[in-house]
C-alpha atoms as a PDB file:
ATOM      1  CA  MET A   1     -47.399  31.709 -73.508  1.00  0.00           C
ATOM      2  CA  ALA A   2     -43.830  31.461 -72.150  1.00  0.00           C
ATOM      3  CA  ILE A   3     -43.165  35.057 -73.231  1.00  0.00           C
ATOM      4  CA  ALA A   4     -46.157  36.302 -71.257  1.00  0.00           C
ATOM      5  CA  ASP A   5     -44.989  34.413 -68.170  1.00  0.00           C
ATOM      6  CA  SER A   6     -41.521  35.901 -68.552  1.00  0.00           C
ATOM      7  CA  GLU A   7     -42.930  39.436 -68.791  1.00  0.00           C
ATOM      8  CA  ILE A   8     -45.108  38.880 -65.749  1.00  0.00           C
ATOM      9  CA  PHE A   9     -42.147  37.656 -63.726  1.00  0.00           C
ATOM     10  CA  GLN A  10     -40.048  40.646 -64.829  1.00  0.00           C
ATOM     11  CA  MET A  11     -42.790  43.060 -63.781  1.00  0.00           C
ATOM     12  CA  ALA A  12     -43.202  41.263 -60.460  1.00  0.00           C
ATOM     13  CA  LEU A  13     -39.452  41.480 -59.877  1.00  0.00           C
ATOM     14  CA  ILE A  14     -39.449  45.230 -60.564  1.00  0.00           C
ATOM     15  CA  GLY A  15     -42.344  45.707 -58.153  1.00  0.00           C
ATOM     16  CA  TYR A  16     -40.705  43.684 -55.400  1.00  0.00           C
ATOM     17  CA  GLU A  17     -37.408  45.543 -55.812  1.00  0.00           C
ATOM     18  CA  ALA A  18     -39.265  48.854 -55.426  1.00  0.00           C
ATOM     19  CA  GLU A  19     -40.924  47.539 -52.264  1.00  0.00           C
ATOM     20  CA  LEU A  20     -37.524  46.451 -50.949  1.00  0.00           C
ATOM     21  CA  ARG A  21     -36.131  49.949 -51.476  1.00  0.00           C
ATOM     22  CA  LYS A  22     -39.083  51.434 -49.586  1.00  0.00           C
ATOM     23  CA  ILE A  23     -38.599  48.989 -46.711  1.00  0.00           C
ATOM     24  CA  ASP A  24     -34.854  49.709 -46.559  1.00  0.00           C
ATOM     25  CA  ASP A  25     -35.595  53.439 -46.386  1.00  0.00           C
ATOM     26  CA  LYS A  26     -38.076  52.900 -43.540  1.00  0.00           C
ATOM     27  CA  ILE A  27     -35.550  50.734 -41.656  1.00  0.00           C
ATOM     28  CA  ALA A  28     -32.885  53.433 -42.013  1.00  0.00           C
ATOM     29  CA  GLU A  29     -35.336  56.068 -40.774  1.00  0.00           C
ATOM     30  CA  ILE A  30     -36.273  54.001 -37.707  1.00  0.00           C
ATOM     31  CA  GLN A  31     -32.640  53.263 -36.919  1.00  0.00           C
ATOM     32  CA  LYS A  32     -31.860  56.970 -37.132  1.00  0.00           C
ATOM     33  CA  GLN A  33     -34.633  57.694 -34.634  1.00  0.00           C
ATOM     34  CA  LEU A  34     -33.246  55.033 -32.299  1.00  0.00           C
ATOM     35  CA  GLY A  35     -29.997  56.897 -31.906  1.00  0.00           C
ATOM     36  CA  GLY A  36     -28.089  56.940 -35.126  1.00  0.00           C
ATOM     37  CA  ARG A  37     -27.697  53.201 -35.592  1.00  0.00           C
ATOM     38  CA  THR A  38     -27.689  53.638 -39.342  1.00  0.00           C
ATOM     39  CA  LYS A  39     -24.734  51.370 -39.960  1.00  0.00           C
ATOM     40  CA  ALA A  40     -26.315  48.170 -41.157  1.00  0.00           C
ATOM     41  CA  VAL A  41     -24.223  45.098 -41.824  1.00  0.00           C
ATOM     42  CA  ALA A  42     -24.546  44.304 -45.482  1.00  0.00           C
ATOM     43  CA  ALA A  43     -25.152  40.661 -46.270  1.00  0.00           C
ATOM     44  CA  PRO A  44     -22.787  39.116 -48.811  1.00  0.00           C
ATOM     45  CA  ALA A  45     -24.066  38.867 -52.356  1.00  0.00           C
ATOM     46  CA  ASP A  46     -24.325  35.086 -52.214  1.00  0.00           C
ATOM     47  CA  GLY A  47     -26.818  35.302 -49.335  1.00  0.00           C
ATOM     48  CA  ALA A  48     -24.523  33.765 -46.713  1.00  0.00           C
ATOM     49  CA  LYS A  49     -24.457  35.254 -43.247  1.00  0.00           C
ATOM     50  CA  PRO A  50     -21.296  37.157 -42.281  1.00  0.00           C
ATOM     51  CA  ARG A  51     -18.981  35.142 -40.037  1.00  0.00           C
ATOM     52  CA  ARG A  52     -18.814  36.103 -36.412  1.00  0.00           C
ATOM     53  CA  ARG A  53     -15.464  37.008 -34.883  1.00  0.00           C
ATOM     54  CA  MET A  54     -14.425  35.623 -31.529  1.00  0.00           C
ATOM     55  CA  SER A  55     -11.798  37.106 -29.253  1.00  0.00           C
ATOM     56  CA  ALA A  56      -8.798  35.109 -28.103  1.00  0.00           C
ATOM     57  CA  SER A  57      -9.974  35.219 -24.496  1.00  0.00           C
ATOM     58  CA  ALA A  58     -13.373  33.835 -25.494  1.00  0.00           C
ATOM     59  CA  ARG A  59     -11.707  30.961 -27.367  1.00  0.00           C
ATOM     60  CA  LYS A  60      -9.556  30.216 -24.309  1.00  0.00           C
ATOM     61  CA  ARG A  61     -12.638  30.123 -22.074  1.00  0.00           C
ATOM     62  CA  ILE A  62     -14.389  27.767 -24.470  1.00  0.00           C
ATOM     63  CA  VAL A  63     -11.349  25.459 -24.639  1.00  0.00           C
ATOM     64  CA  ALA A  64     -11.040  25.397 -20.853  1.00  0.00           C
ATOM     65  CA  ALA A  65     -14.739  24.618 -20.425  1.00  0.00           C
ATOM     66  CA  GLN A  66     -14.579  21.813 -22.995  1.00  0.00           C
ATOM     67  CA  LYS A  67     -11.528  20.270 -21.301  1.00  0.00           C
ATOM     68  CA  LYS A  68     -13.353  20.433 -17.979  1.00  0.00           C
ATOM     69  CA  ARG A  69     -16.406  18.675 -19.482  1.00  0.00           C
ATOM     70  CA  TRP A  70     -14.271  15.917 -20.998  1.00  0.00           C
ATOM     71  CA  ALA A  71     -12.388  15.416 -17.742  1.00  0.00           C
ATOM     72  CA  ALA A  72     -15.703  15.072 -15.885  1.00  0.00           C
ATOM     73  CA  TYR A  73     -16.957  12.627 -18.521  1.00  0.00           C
ATOM     74  CA  HIS A  74     -13.878  10.426 -18.282  1.00  0.00           C
ATOM     75  CA  GLU A  75     -13.963  10.554 -14.496  1.00  0.00           C
ATOM     76  CA  SER A  76     -17.620   9.506 -14.359  1.00  0.00           C
ATOM     77  CA  HIS A  77     -17.039   6.625 -16.779  1.00  0.00           C
ATOM     78  CA  GLY A  78     -13.942   5.416 -14.993  1.00  0.00           C
ATOM     79  CA  GLU A  79     -11.753   6.051 -18.002  1.00  0.00           C
ATOM     80  CA  LYS A  80      -8.456   7.752 -18.150  1.00  0.00           C
ATOM     81  CA  PRO A  81      -7.659   9.711 -21.268  1.00  0.00           C
ATOM     82  CA  ALA A  82      -5.177   7.809 -23.366  1.00  0.00           C
ATOM     83  CA  LEU A  83      -1.787   9.425 -23.406  1.00  0.00           C
ATOM     84  CA  LYS A  84       0.410   9.181 -26.424  1.00  0.00           C
ATOM     85  CA  LYS A  85       3.146   6.674 -25.846  1.00  0.00           C
ATOM     86  CA  ALA A  86       6.603   7.803 -26.760  1.00  0.00           C
ATOM     87  CA  HIS A  87       8.270   5.457 -29.154  1.00  0.00           C
ATOM     88  CA  ALA A  88      11.479   3.938 -27.909  1.00  0.00           C
ATOM     89  CA  LYS A  89      14.488   5.220 -29.766  1.00  0.00           C
ATOM     90  CA  ARG A  90      16.150   2.789 -32.088  1.00  0.00           C
ATOM     91  CA  LYS A  91      19.552   1.770 -30.806  1.00  0.00           C
ATOM     92  CA  LEU A  92      22.231   1.041 -33.331  1.00  0.00           C
ATOM     93  CA  SER A  93      24.983  -1.409 -32.767  1.00  0.00           C
ATOM     94  CA  ALA A  94      28.594  -0.306 -33.120  1.00  0.00           C
ATOM     95  CA  ASP A  95      28.846  -2.186 -36.444  1.00  0.00           C
ATOM     96  CA  ALA A  96      25.756  -0.436 -37.829  1.00  0.00           C
ATOM     97  CA  LYS A  97      27.107   2.958 -36.782  1.00  0.00           C
ATOM     98  CA  ALA A  98      30.429   2.199 -38.449  1.00  0.00           C
ATOM     99  CA  LYS A  99      28.657   1.179 -41.708  1.00  0.00           C
ATOM    100  CA  LEU A 100      26.556   4.366 -41.711  1.00  0.00           C
ATOM    101  CA  SER A 101      29.549   6.617 -41.105  1.00  0.00           C
ATOM    102  CA  ALA A 102      31.536   4.800 -43.832  1.00  0.00           C
ATOM    103  CA  ASN A 103      28.665   5.264 -46.309  1.00  0.00           C
ATOM    104  CA  LEU A 104      28.412   8.934 -45.374  1.00  0.00           C
ATOM    105  CA  ALA A 105      32.140   9.473 -45.848  1.00  0.00           C
ATOM    106  CA  LYS A 106      31.975   7.702 -49.230  1.00  0.00           C
ATOM    107  CA  ALA A 107      29.037   9.884 -50.346  1.00  0.00           C
ATOM    108  CA  ARG A 108      30.812  13.071 -49.259  1.00  0.00           C
ATOM    109  CA  ALA A 109      33.949  12.078 -51.128  1.00  0.00           C
ATOM    110  CA  ALA A 110      31.942  11.329 -54.289  1.00  0.00           C
ATOM    111  CA  ARG A 111      30.174  14.696 -54.026  1.00  0.00           C
ATOM    112  CA  ALA A 112      33.472  16.534 -53.538  1.00  0.00           C
ATOM    113  CA  ALA A 113      34.953  14.754 -56.554  1.00  0.00           C
ATOM    114  CA  LYS A 114      31.932  15.673 -58.657  1.00  0.00           C
ATOM    115  CA  ARG A 115      32.249  19.333 -57.650  1.00  0.00           C
ATOM    116  CA  ALA A 116      35.960  19.301 -58.436  1.00  0.00           C
ATOM    117  CA  THR A 117      35.394  17.964 -61.966  1.00  0.00           C
ATOM    118  CA  ALA A 118      32.495  20.393 -62.556  1.00  0.00           C
ATOM    119  CA  SER A 119      34.523  23.470 -61.586  1.00  0.00           C
ATOM    120  CA  ALA A 120      37.625  22.462 -63.529  1.00  0.00           C
END
């Protein structure tokens, strides 16, 4: 019984594909009559819709409109948008600076010595 069902489905698929070809031909004919709009956008094989492209100016308009909406929202709710606080720079004492520079000088000397032994 499963074989019969399989054959029926295969025949149905062949019939539907033939109908699809007929419909595509009719669509192309109608588009040609409408003024040569025969260039149809082919859908990807996985069935997903093609992605729409947006110009840079359109993106800028959208960004500006969204900023305006958020500003109005914050104004109506009595909120001010939180600004990022700059972190205070760490201040080193003179002793700490001296230790860092001594460690750096020691590391540079060790690296120079290592290079000297490697090249010799």
